[in-house]
Amino acid sequence: MKWITRERPKIDRLACPWLIKKFVDKDAEFIYVAFNQVLGQAEKLQAIPFDIPDVEFTHYNDHCTFDYIIQKYKITDPAVLVMAVIVRGADTDRHDIAKESAGLLAISLGLAHNITNDYALLEAGFLIYDAFLWKLQLTHFQKLRTSPAFRTKAILQEFSNSTREKIHLFTEKTWKKVNQIQKVNNMLYMVFDHA
């Protein structure tokens, strides 16, 4: 699938492509154009427009496009659901709904200021959101592991299998990416846990 939105992404226009690539379509392509060209180019390129008014993939009430994609594709990963509140708070300037929202906004604005190529910015954004997901999944796992409910067979089966799969992804050929994610995770830790 091709997806298209307005140029100079900050929050939703970085988070949504990451979410789509991770949970909807690993081969998705993303196109950034001027706001007034989005709909015309979407039709010409047969791309799905997102995060602009009057299209399907957009804001609804107090929820952002990231929320809509989660709902539309029935994404149930607990860490992504926590992330959705943080993204919503950063994207809609409602930092009261998640303390991490202000930090995510600061990181995103800083990236956008320092990286002028939208596709390079998207690549950097993917590292941020990969690190963010890893941190939230780790936190969720630690909370589950200390709860009595974690000992039940169903929870052990469901969570430990997915956790084992994720751990096995960290092979020798991915150490470079792991180191990049670790650096970003340390930055996120400093911003979110010391806010």
N, C-alpha and C. Protein backbone atom coordinates (compact mmCIF):
# COMPACT_ATOMS: atom_id res chain seq x y z
N MET A 1 0.84 -1.19 0.00
CA MET A 1 0.00 0.00 0.00
C MET A 1 0.88 1.24 0.00
N LYS A 2 0.42 2.27 -0.67
CA LYS A 2 1.07 3.58 -0.62
C LYS A 2 0.21 4.49 0.25
N TRP A 3 0.88 5.28 1.04
CA TRP A 3 0.21 6.24 1.92
C TRP A 3 0.80 7.61 1.64
N ILE A 4 -0.04 8.65 1.72
CA ILE A 4 0.44 9.99 1.42
C ILE A 4 -0.11 10.98 2.44
N THR A 5 0.72 11.96 2.78
CA THR A 5 0.31 12.99 3.72
C THR A 5 1.10 14.26 3.46
N ARG A 6 0.85 15.27 4.26
CA ARG A 6 1.55 16.54 4.08
C ARG A 6 2.98 16.46 4.58
N GLU A 7 3.80 17.29 4.00
CA GLU A 7 5.23 17.29 4.30
C GLU A 7 5.51 17.82 5.71
N ARG A 8 6.77 17.73 6.11
CA ARG A 8 7.30 18.17 7.40
C ARG A 8 6.58 17.50 8.58
N PRO A 9 6.68 16.19 8.68
CA PRO A 9 6.00 15.46 9.76
C PRO A 9 6.56 15.81 11.14
N LYS A 10 5.69 15.70 12.14
CA LYS A 10 6.11 15.93 13.53
C LYS A 10 5.72 14.73 14.40
N ILE A 11 4.44 14.60 14.74
CA ILE A 11 4.01 13.53 15.64
C ILE A 11 3.23 12.45 14.86
N ASP A 12 1.98 12.72 14.56
CA ASP A 12 1.12 11.73 13.89
C ASP A 12 1.70 11.26 12.56
N ARG A 13 2.32 12.16 11.82
CA ARG A 13 2.83 11.81 10.50
C ARG A 13 4.16 11.07 10.56
N LEU A 14 4.71 10.91 11.75
CA LEU A 14 5.84 9.99 11.98
C LEU A 14 5.33 8.71 12.66
N ALA A 15 4.47 8.88 13.65
CA ALA A 15 3.97 7.73 14.41
C ALA A 15 3.11 6.80 13.55
N CYS A 16 2.26 7.37 12.70
CA CYS A 16 1.38 6.54 11.88
C CYS A 16 2.15 5.66 10.89
N PRO A 17 3.11 6.20 10.15
CA PRO A 17 3.88 5.32 9.27
C PRO A 17 4.59 4.20 10.04
N TRP A 18 5.12 4.52 11.20
CA TRP A 18 5.76 3.49 12.03
C TRP A 18 4.74 2.40 12.39
N LEU A 19 3.57 2.83 12.86
CA LEU A 19 2.52 1.89 13.26
C LEU A 19 2.08 1.02 12.08
N ILE A 20 1.91 1.64 10.93
CA ILE A 20 1.49 0.90 9.73
C ILE A 20 2.54 -0.13 9.35
N LYS A 21 3.82 0.28 9.33
CA LYS A 21 4.90 -0.65 8.97
C LYS A 21 5.01 -1.80 9.96
N LYS A 22 4.84 -1.52 11.24
CA LYS A 22 4.99 -2.54 12.29
C LYS A 22 3.81 -3.49 12.38
N PHE A 23 2.59 -2.98 12.21
CA PHE A 23 1.40 -3.77 12.53
C PHE A 23 0.40 -3.96 11.40
N VAL A 24 0.56 -3.25 10.29
CA VAL A 24 -0.44 -3.32 9.22
C VAL A 24 0.16 -3.85 7.92
N ASP A 25 1.22 -3.21 7.45
CA ASP A 25 1.81 -3.56 6.15
C ASP A 25 3.30 -3.25 6.16
N LYS A 26 4.11 -4.30 6.32
CA LYS A 26 5.57 -4.08 6.43
C LYS A 26 6.18 -3.53 5.15
N ASP A 27 5.46 -3.63 4.03
CA ASP A 27 5.97 -3.12 2.75
C ASP A 27 5.36 -1.77 2.37
N ALA A 28 4.66 -1.14 3.28
CA ALA A 28 4.00 0.14 2.98
C ALA A 28 5.03 1.18 2.54
N GLU A 29 4.60 2.05 1.63
CA GLU A 29 5.43 3.18 1.18
C GLU A 29 4.75 4.46 1.64
N PHE A 30 5.57 5.47 1.97
CA PHE A 30 5.03 6.73 2.46
C PHE A 30 5.53 7.88 1.60
N ILE A 31 4.62 8.78 1.28
CA ILE A 31 4.93 9.91 0.41
C ILE A 31 4.53 11.18 1.14
N TYR A 32 5.43 12.16 1.12
CA TYR A 32 5.17 13.46 1.72
C TYR A 32 5.13 14.51 0.61
N VAL A 33 4.07 15.30 0.59
CA VAL A 33 3.92 16.37 -0.41
C VAL A 33 3.34 17.60 0.29
N ALA A 34 3.30 18.71 -0.43
CA ALA A 34 2.70 19.93 0.11
C ALA A 34 1.22 19.66 0.43
N PHE A 35 0.71 20.31 1.45
CA PHE A 35 -0.67 20.10 1.90
C PHE A 35 -1.67 20.17 0.75
N ASN A 36 -1.54 21.20 -0.09
CA ASN A 36 -2.52 21.40 -1.16
C ASN A 36 -2.39 20.38 -2.30
N GLN A 37 -1.39 19.50 -2.24
CA GLN A 37 -1.20 18.48 -3.28
C GLN A 37 -1.60 17.07 -2.81
N VAL A 38 -1.90 16.92 -1.54
CA VAL A 38 -2.12 15.57 -0.99
C VAL A 38 -3.22 14.83 -1.73
N LEU A 39 -4.40 15.42 -1.84
CA LEU A 39 -5.53 14.69 -2.43
C LEU A 39 -5.31 14.42 -3.92
N GLY A 40 -4.79 15.37 -4.65
CA GLY A 40 -4.52 15.17 -6.07
C GLY A 40 -3.48 14.09 -6.31
N GLN A 41 -2.40 14.13 -5.54
CA GLN A 41 -1.35 13.12 -5.67
C GLN A 41 -1.83 11.75 -5.18
N ALA A 42 -2.70 11.75 -4.18
CA ALA A 42 -3.25 10.48 -3.68
C ALA A 42 -4.01 9.78 -4.80
N GLU A 43 -4.83 10.53 -5.51
CA GLU A 43 -5.59 9.95 -6.62
C GLU A 43 -4.66 9.49 -7.74
N LYS A 44 -3.72 10.33 -8.09
CA LYS A 44 -2.79 10.02 -9.17
C LYS A 44 -1.93 8.79 -8.85
N LEU A 45 -1.44 8.70 -7.62
CA LEU A 45 -0.54 7.62 -7.22
C LEU A 45 -1.26 6.41 -6.61
N GLN A 46 -2.59 6.51 -6.51
CA GLN A 46 -3.40 5.48 -5.86
C GLN A 46 -2.87 5.21 -4.45
N ALA A 47 -2.69 6.29 -3.72
CA ALA A 47 -2.18 6.23 -2.34
C ALA A 47 -3.30 6.62 -1.38
N ILE A 48 -3.19 6.14 -0.17
CA ILE A 48 -4.18 6.43 0.87
C ILE A 48 -3.76 7.71 1.59
N PRO A 49 -4.58 8.76 1.53
CA PRO A 49 -4.23 9.99 2.26
C PRO A 49 -4.49 9.81 3.76
N PHE A 50 -3.60 10.39 4.57
CA PHE A 50 -3.80 10.29 6.01
C PHE A 50 -3.35 11.56 6.72
N ASP A 51 -3.93 11.77 7.88
CA ASP A 51 -3.65 12.89 8.76
C ASP A 51 -3.85 14.25 8.09
N ILE A 52 -4.91 14.34 7.32
CA ILE A 52 -5.40 15.62 6.80
C ILE A 52 -6.91 15.61 6.97
N PRO A 53 -7.54 16.78 6.98
CA PRO A 53 -9.00 16.82 7.16
C PRO A 53 -9.75 16.15 6.00
N ASP A 54 -10.93 15.66 6.30
CA ASP A 54 -11.88 15.15 5.31
C ASP A 54 -11.42 13.91 4.56
N VAL A 55 -10.63 13.06 5.22
CA VAL A 55 -10.29 11.74 4.67
C VAL A 55 -10.60 10.71 5.75
N GLU A 56 -10.57 9.44 5.40
CA GLU A 56 -10.89 8.41 6.39
C GLU A 56 -9.87 8.37 7.53
N PHE A 57 -8.60 8.38 7.21
CA PHE A 57 -7.54 8.25 8.21
C PHE A 57 -7.15 9.63 8.72
N THR A 58 -7.87 10.10 9.72
CA THR A 58 -7.68 11.44 10.25
C THR A 58 -8.09 11.48 11.72
N HIS A 59 -8.16 12.66 12.29
CA HIS A 59 -8.59 12.85 13.67
C HIS A 59 -10.11 12.70 13.76
N TYR A 60 -10.57 12.08 14.87
CA TYR A 60 -11.99 11.99 15.17
C TYR A 60 -12.18 12.41 16.62
N ASN A 61 -13.02 13.42 16.82
CA ASN A 61 -13.24 13.98 18.16
C ASN A 61 -11.89 14.33 18.78
N ASP A 62 -11.58 13.78 19.95
CA ASP A 62 -10.31 14.12 20.61
C ASP A 62 -9.22 13.09 20.32
N HIS A 63 -9.45 12.20 19.37
CA HIS A 63 -8.47 11.16 19.02
C HIS A 63 -7.75 11.52 17.73
N CYS A 64 -6.48 11.13 17.66
CA CYS A 64 -5.67 11.45 16.48
C CYS A 64 -5.67 10.29 15.49
N THR A 65 -4.98 10.46 14.39
CA THR A 65 -4.94 9.46 13.33
C THR A 65 -4.33 8.15 13.82
N PHE A 66 -3.34 8.23 14.69
CA PHE A 66 -2.72 7.04 15.29
C PHE A 66 -3.79 6.18 15.96
N ASP A 67 -4.69 6.82 16.72
CA ASP A 67 -5.80 6.12 17.37
C ASP A 67 -6.70 5.44 16.35
N TYR A 68 -6.99 6.16 15.26
CA TYR A 68 -7.89 5.60 14.25
C TYR A 68 -7.30 4.35 13.61
N ILE A 69 -6.00 4.37 13.33
CA ILE A 69 -5.36 3.20 12.71
C ILE A 69 -5.41 2.00 13.66
N ILE A 70 -5.18 2.25 14.95
CA ILE A 70 -5.28 1.17 15.94
C ILE A 70 -6.68 0.56 15.93
N GLN A 71 -7.68 1.43 15.92
CA GLN A 71 -9.07 0.96 15.90
C GLN A 71 -9.39 0.24 14.60
N LYS A 72 -9.05 0.83 13.48
CA LYS A 72 -9.37 0.27 12.16
C LYS A 72 -8.77 -1.12 11.96
N TYR A 73 -7.51 -1.28 12.37
CA TYR A 73 -6.82 -2.55 12.14
C TYR A 73 -6.79 -3.44 13.39
N LYS A 74 -7.56 -3.05 14.41
CA LYS A 74 -7.73 -3.87 15.61
C LYS A 74 -6.38 -4.29 16.22
N ILE A 75 -5.53 -3.31 16.41
CA ILE A 75 -4.22 -3.54 17.02
C ILE A 75 -4.42 -3.60 18.54
N THR A 76 -3.97 -4.69 19.16
CA THR A 76 -4.25 -4.90 20.58
C THR A 76 -3.00 -4.99 21.45
N ASP A 77 -1.83 -4.78 20.89
CA ASP A 77 -0.61 -4.84 21.69
C ASP A 77 -0.73 -3.85 22.85
N PRO A 78 -0.62 -4.31 24.11
CA PRO A 78 -0.80 -3.40 25.25
C PRO A 78 0.15 -2.20 25.23
N ALA A 79 1.38 -2.41 24.78
CA ALA A 79 2.34 -1.30 24.73
C ALA A 79 1.90 -0.26 23.71
N VAL A 80 1.36 -0.69 22.59
CA VAL A 80 0.89 0.25 21.56
C VAL A 80 -0.31 1.04 22.09
N LEU A 81 -1.16 0.39 22.87
CA LEU A 81 -2.32 1.09 23.43
C LEU A 81 -1.89 2.17 24.42
N VAL A 82 -0.84 1.90 25.18
CA VAL A 82 -0.28 2.93 26.08
C VAL A 82 0.34 4.03 25.23
N MET A 83 1.09 3.63 24.21
CA MET A 83 1.73 4.59 23.32
C MET A 83 0.70 5.52 22.67
N ALA A 84 -0.47 4.99 22.35
CA ALA A 84 -1.52 5.77 21.69
C ALA A 84 -1.91 6.99 22.52
N VAL A 85 -2.03 6.83 23.81
CA VAL A 85 -2.40 7.95 24.68
C VAL A 85 -1.29 9.01 24.67
N ILE A 86 -0.05 8.56 24.68
CA ILE A 86 1.09 9.48 24.67
C ILE A 86 1.16 10.23 23.34
N VAL A 87 0.99 9.50 22.24
CA VAL A 87 1.00 10.13 20.91
C VAL A 87 -0.16 11.12 20.80
N ARG A 88 -1.35 10.72 21.26
CA ARG A 88 -2.51 11.60 21.22
C ARG A 88 -2.25 12.89 21.99
N GLY A 89 -1.68 12.75 23.19
CA GLY A 89 -1.38 13.94 23.99
C GLY A 89 -0.39 14.86 23.31
N ALA A 90 0.64 14.29 22.67
CA ALA A 90 1.65 15.10 21.98
C ALA A 90 1.06 15.74 20.72
N ASP A 91 0.28 14.97 19.96
CA ASP A 91 -0.24 15.46 18.69
C ASP A 91 -1.34 16.49 18.86
N THR A 92 -2.12 16.38 19.92
CA THR A 92 -3.25 17.29 20.13
C THR A 92 -2.95 18.35 21.18
N ASP A 93 -1.69 18.41 21.61
CA ASP A 93 -1.23 19.40 22.60
C ASP A 93 -2.02 19.29 23.91
N ARG A 94 -2.28 18.04 24.32
CA ARG A 94 -2.95 17.78 25.60
C ARG A 94 -2.01 16.94 26.46
N HIS A 95 -0.99 17.58 26.96
CA HIS A 95 0.05 16.87 27.70
C HIS A 95 -0.42 16.39 29.07
N ASP A 96 -1.61 16.81 29.47
CA ASP A 96 -2.15 16.37 30.75
C ASP A 96 -2.61 14.91 30.72
N ILE A 97 -2.84 14.33 29.54
CA ILE A 97 -3.35 12.96 29.49
C ILE A 97 -2.23 11.93 29.62
N ALA A 98 -0.98 12.34 29.39
CA ALA A 98 0.17 11.45 29.58
C ALA A 98 1.40 12.32 29.78
N LYS A 99 2.09 12.13 30.89
CA LYS A 99 3.24 12.98 31.20
C LYS A 99 4.33 12.88 30.13
N GLU A 100 4.38 11.75 29.41
CA GLU A 100 5.41 11.56 28.39
C GLU A 100 5.13 12.34 27.11
N SER A 101 3.92 12.84 26.95
CA SER A 101 3.54 13.54 25.72
C SER A 101 4.42 14.76 25.46
N ALA A 102 4.71 15.52 26.48
CA ALA A 102 5.55 16.71 26.30
C ALA A 102 6.95 16.32 25.84
N GLY A 103 7.48 15.25 26.38
CA GLY A 103 8.80 14.78 25.97
C GLY A 103 8.81 14.29 24.54
N LEU A 104 7.77 13.55 24.15
CA LEU A 104 7.67 13.07 22.78
C LEU A 104 7.57 14.25 21.81
N LEU A 105 6.80 15.25 22.17
CA LEU A 105 6.69 16.45 21.33
C LEU A 105 8.05 17.14 21.20
N ALA A 106 8.76 17.28 22.32
CA ALA A 106 10.08 17.94 22.29
C ALA A 106 11.05 17.18 21.39
N ILE A 107 11.08 15.87 21.52
CA ILE A 107 11.97 15.04 20.68
C ILE A 107 11.59 15.18 19.22
N SER A 108 10.30 15.12 18.91
CA SER A 108 9.84 15.20 17.52
C SER A 108 10.14 16.56 16.91
N LEU A 109 9.91 17.62 17.66
CA LEU A 109 10.21 18.96 17.15
C LEU A 109 11.71 19.14 16.94
N GLY A 110 12.49 18.60 17.86
CA GLY A 110 13.95 18.67 17.71
C GLY A 110 14.43 17.91 16.49
N LEU A 111 13.89 16.73 16.26
CA LEU A 111 14.24 15.97 15.05
C LEU A 111 13.87 16.76 13.80
N ALA A 112 12.65 17.29 13.76
CA ALA A 112 12.18 18.02 12.59
C ALA A 112 13.02 19.27 12.33
N HIS A 113 13.48 19.89 13.39
CA HIS A 113 14.34 21.08 13.23
C HIS A 113 15.70 20.70 12.66
N ASN A 114 16.23 19.57 13.07
CA ASN A 114 17.59 19.18 12.68
C ASN A 114 17.66 18.34 11.41
N ILE A 115 16.55 17.73 11.01
CA ILE A 115 16.54 16.88 9.81
C ILE A 115 15.54 17.48 8.83
N THR A 116 16.04 18.03 7.74
CA THR A 116 15.16 18.73 6.81
C THR A 116 14.58 17.83 5.72
N ASN A 117 15.13 16.65 5.53
CA ASN A 117 14.60 15.70 4.55
C ASN A 117 13.55 14.84 5.24
N ASP A 118 12.32 14.89 4.73
CA ASP A 118 11.21 14.17 5.38
C ASP A 118 11.45 12.67 5.49
N TYR A 119 12.12 12.08 4.51
CA TYR A 119 12.34 10.63 4.52
C TYR A 119 13.44 10.25 5.51
N ALA A 120 14.44 11.10 5.65
CA ALA A 120 15.46 10.88 6.68
C ALA A 120 14.83 11.08 8.06
N LEU A 121 13.94 12.04 8.16
CA LEU A 121 13.22 12.29 9.42
C LEU A 121 12.35 11.08 9.77
N LEU A 122 11.70 10.51 8.78
CA LEU A 122 10.88 9.31 9.00
C LEU A 122 11.74 8.16 9.52
N GLU A 123 12.92 7.98 8.93
CA GLU A 123 13.82 6.91 9.37
C GLU A 123 14.24 7.13 10.83
N ALA A 124 14.56 8.36 11.19
CA ALA A 124 14.92 8.67 12.58
C ALA A 124 13.71 8.45 13.49
N GLY A 125 12.54 8.83 13.02
CA GLY A 125 11.32 8.62 13.79
C GLY A 125 11.05 7.14 14.07
N PHE A 126 11.36 6.30 13.08
CA PHE A 126 11.19 4.86 13.27
C PHE A 126 12.06 4.36 14.42
N LEU A 127 13.28 4.87 14.53
CA LEU A 127 14.16 4.47 15.64
C LEU A 127 13.56 4.89 16.98
N ILE A 128 13.03 6.10 17.02
CA ILE A 128 12.40 6.62 18.25
C ILE A 128 11.24 5.69 18.66
N TYR A 129 10.36 5.40 17.72
CA TYR A 129 9.18 4.60 18.05
C TYR A 129 9.53 3.14 18.31
N ASP A 130 10.57 2.60 17.65
CA ASP A 130 11.02 1.25 17.99
C ASP A 130 11.51 1.20 19.44
N ALA A 131 12.30 2.20 19.82
CA ALA A 131 12.81 2.25 21.19
C ALA A 131 11.67 2.44 22.19
N PHE A 132 10.75 3.29 21.82
CA PHE A 132 9.59 3.57 22.66
C PHE A 132 8.78 2.30 22.88
N LEU A 133 8.50 1.55 21.81
CA LEU A 133 7.74 0.30 21.92
C LEU A 133 8.49 -0.69 22.81
N TRP A 134 9.78 -0.83 22.58
CA TRP A 134 10.58 -1.75 23.39
C TRP A 134 10.48 -1.39 24.86
N LYS A 135 10.62 -0.12 25.19
CA LYS A 135 10.55 0.32 26.59
C LYS A 135 9.18 0.02 27.20
N LEU A 136 8.12 0.32 26.45
CA LEU A 136 6.77 0.07 26.97
C LEU A 136 6.48 -1.42 27.11
N GLN A 137 6.95 -2.23 26.16
CA GLN A 137 6.76 -3.68 26.27
C GLN A 137 7.53 -4.24 27.45
N LEU A 138 8.74 -3.76 27.66
CA LEU A 138 9.55 -4.20 28.79
C LEU A 138 8.86 -3.83 30.11
N THR A 139 8.37 -2.62 30.21
CA THR A 139 7.66 -2.18 31.41
C THR A 139 6.42 -3.03 31.64
N HIS A 140 5.67 -3.29 30.57
CA HIS A 140 4.46 -4.12 30.68
C HIS A 140 4.83 -5.53 31.15
N PHE A 141 5.88 -6.10 30.58
CA PHE A 141 6.32 -7.44 30.96
C PHE A 141 6.73 -7.48 32.43
N GLN A 142 7.47 -6.46 32.88
CA GLN A 142 7.90 -6.44 34.28
C GLN A 142 6.72 -6.35 35.23
N LYS A 143 5.71 -5.56 34.86
CA LYS A 143 4.51 -5.46 35.70
C LYS A 143 3.77 -6.79 35.74
N LEU A 144 3.65 -7.42 34.58
CA LEU A 144 2.96 -8.72 34.55
C LEU A 144 3.72 -9.77 35.36
N ARG A 145 5.03 -9.78 35.22
CA ARG A 145 5.84 -10.81 35.88
C ARG A 145 5.71 -10.75 37.39
N THR A 146 5.48 -9.58 37.94
CA THR A 146 5.39 -9.45 39.39
C THR A 146 3.96 -9.66 39.90
N SER A 147 3.00 -9.79 39.01
CA SER A 147 1.62 -9.97 39.46
C SER A 147 1.30 -11.47 39.60
N PRO A 148 0.44 -11.83 40.55
CA PRO A 148 0.05 -13.22 40.71
C PRO A 148 -0.63 -13.79 39.45
N ALA A 149 -1.33 -12.94 38.74
CA ALA A 149 -2.03 -13.40 37.54
C ALA A 149 -1.07 -13.91 36.47
N PHE A 150 0.16 -13.42 36.50
CA PHE A 150 1.14 -13.83 35.49
C PHE A 150 1.41 -15.33 35.55
N ARG A 151 1.17 -15.91 36.69
CA ARG A 151 1.47 -17.33 36.84
C ARG A 151 0.45 -18.23 36.13
N THR A 152 -0.66 -17.67 35.72
CA THR A 152 -1.65 -18.51 35.04
C THR A 152 -1.12 -18.94 33.68
N LYS A 153 -1.52 -20.12 33.30
CA LYS A 153 -1.01 -20.71 32.07
C LYS A 153 -1.32 -19.87 30.83
N ALA A 154 -2.51 -19.32 30.74
CA ALA A 154 -2.90 -18.55 29.56
C ALA A 154 -2.01 -17.32 29.36
N ILE A 155 -1.78 -16.57 30.43
CA ILE A 155 -0.96 -15.37 30.31
C ILE A 155 0.48 -15.74 30.02
N LEU A 156 0.98 -16.76 30.71
CA LEU A 156 2.35 -17.20 30.44
C LEU A 156 2.51 -17.59 28.98
N GLN A 157 1.57 -18.36 28.47
CA GLN A 157 1.66 -18.81 27.08
C GLN A 157 1.64 -17.64 26.11
N GLU A 158 0.65 -16.77 26.27
CA GLU A 158 0.49 -15.65 25.34
C GLU A 158 1.68 -14.70 25.38
N PHE A 159 2.07 -14.27 26.57
CA PHE A 159 3.10 -13.24 26.66
C PHE A 159 4.50 -13.78 26.47
N SER A 160 4.81 -14.93 27.06
CA SER A 160 6.18 -15.42 26.96
C SER A 160 6.54 -15.81 25.53
N ASN A 161 5.58 -16.34 24.77
CA ASN A 161 5.87 -16.67 23.37
C ASN A 161 6.21 -15.43 22.57
N SER A 162 5.42 -14.36 22.71
CA SER A 162 5.70 -13.16 21.94
C SER A 162 6.99 -12.50 22.44
N THR A 163 7.26 -12.57 23.73
CA THR A 163 8.49 -12.00 24.26
C THR A 163 9.70 -12.78 23.76
N ARG A 164 9.61 -14.12 23.76
CA ARG A 164 10.71 -14.93 23.24
C ARG A 164 11.00 -14.61 21.79
N GLU A 165 9.93 -14.45 21.00
CA GLU A 165 10.12 -14.12 19.59
C GLU A 165 10.85 -12.79 19.45
N LYS A 166 10.48 -11.82 20.25
CA LYS A 166 11.12 -10.50 20.17
C LYS A 166 12.58 -10.58 20.61
N ILE A 167 12.85 -11.36 21.63
CA ILE A 167 14.22 -11.49 22.10
C ILE A 167 15.09 -12.14 21.03
N HIS A 168 14.56 -13.13 20.33
CA HIS A 168 15.33 -13.82 19.29
C HIS A 168 15.62 -12.94 18.09
N LEU A 169 14.90 -11.84 17.95
CA LEU A 169 15.16 -10.93 16.85
C LEU A 169 16.50 -10.22 17.00
N PHE A 170 16.99 -10.15 18.23
CA PHE A 170 18.24 -9.45 18.49
C PHE A 170 19.43 -10.37 18.20
N THR A 171 19.71 -10.58 16.94
CA THR A 171 20.84 -11.41 16.53
C THR A 171 22.04 -10.54 16.25
N GLU A 172 23.18 -11.20 15.92
CA GLU A 172 24.41 -10.45 15.68
C GLU A 172 24.26 -9.42 14.58
N LYS A 173 23.53 -9.74 13.51
CA LYS A 173 23.42 -8.78 12.41
C LYS A 173 22.54 -7.58 12.74
N THR A 174 21.86 -7.56 13.90
CA THR A 174 21.05 -6.40 14.26
C THR A 174 21.66 -5.59 15.41
N TRP A 175 22.88 -5.90 15.81
CA TRP A 175 23.48 -5.19 16.94
C TRP A 175 23.61 -3.69 16.67
N LYS A 176 23.89 -3.32 15.45
CA LYS A 176 24.03 -1.90 15.13
C LYS A 176 22.72 -1.18 15.44
N LYS A 177 21.61 -1.75 14.99
CA LYS A 177 20.31 -1.13 15.25
C LYS A 177 20.00 -1.13 16.74
N VAL A 178 20.36 -2.21 17.42
CA VAL A 178 20.13 -2.28 18.86
C VAL A 178 20.88 -1.15 19.57
N ASN A 179 22.11 -0.91 19.16
CA ASN A 179 22.88 0.17 19.78
C ASN A 179 22.23 1.52 19.53
N GLN A 180 21.70 1.73 18.30
CA GLN A 180 21.00 2.98 18.01
C GLN A 180 19.76 3.10 18.88
N ILE A 181 19.02 2.02 18.98
CA ILE A 181 17.80 2.04 19.80
C ILE A 181 18.14 2.27 21.26
N GLN A 182 19.23 1.67 21.73
CA GLN A 182 19.66 1.86 23.12
C GLN A 182 19.94 3.34 23.40
N LYS A 183 20.61 4.01 22.45
CA LYS A 183 20.90 5.43 22.63
C LYS A 183 19.61 6.23 22.70
N VAL A 184 18.67 5.92 21.80
CA VAL A 184 17.38 6.62 21.80
C VAL A 184 16.62 6.29 23.08
N ASN A 185 16.65 5.01 23.50
CA ASN A 185 15.97 4.61 24.73
C ASN A 185 16.53 5.37 25.93
N ASN A 186 17.85 5.52 25.98
CA ASN A 186 18.45 6.30 27.08
C ASN A 186 17.95 7.73 27.06
N MET A 187 17.82 8.30 25.84
CA MET A 187 17.31 9.66 25.72
C MET A 187 15.86 9.71 26.18
N LEU A 188 15.04 8.71 25.77
CA LEU A 188 13.65 8.66 26.20
C LEU A 188 13.55 8.51 27.72
N TYR A 189 14.42 7.66 28.28
CA TYR A 189 14.43 7.46 29.73
C TYR A 189 14.68 8.79 30.44
N MET A 190 15.67 9.53 29.93
CA MET A 190 16.00 10.82 30.55
C MET A 190 14.83 11.77 30.47
N VAL A 191 14.13 11.81 29.32
CA VAL A 191 13.03 12.74 29.12
C VAL A 191 11.81 12.30 29.92
N PHE A 192 11.42 11.00 29.80
CA PHE A 192 10.16 10.56 30.38
C PHE A 192 10.25 10.20 31.87
N ASP A 193 11.31 9.56 32.26
CA ASP A 193 11.39 9.13 33.65
C ASP A 193 11.91 10.20 34.60
N HIS A 194 12.46 11.25 34.05
CA HIS A 194 12.98 12.33 34.89
C HIS A 194 12.20 13.62 34.70
N ALA A 195 11.03 13.51 34.08
CA ALA A 195 10.22 14.71 33.82
C ALA A 195 9.55 15.17 35.10
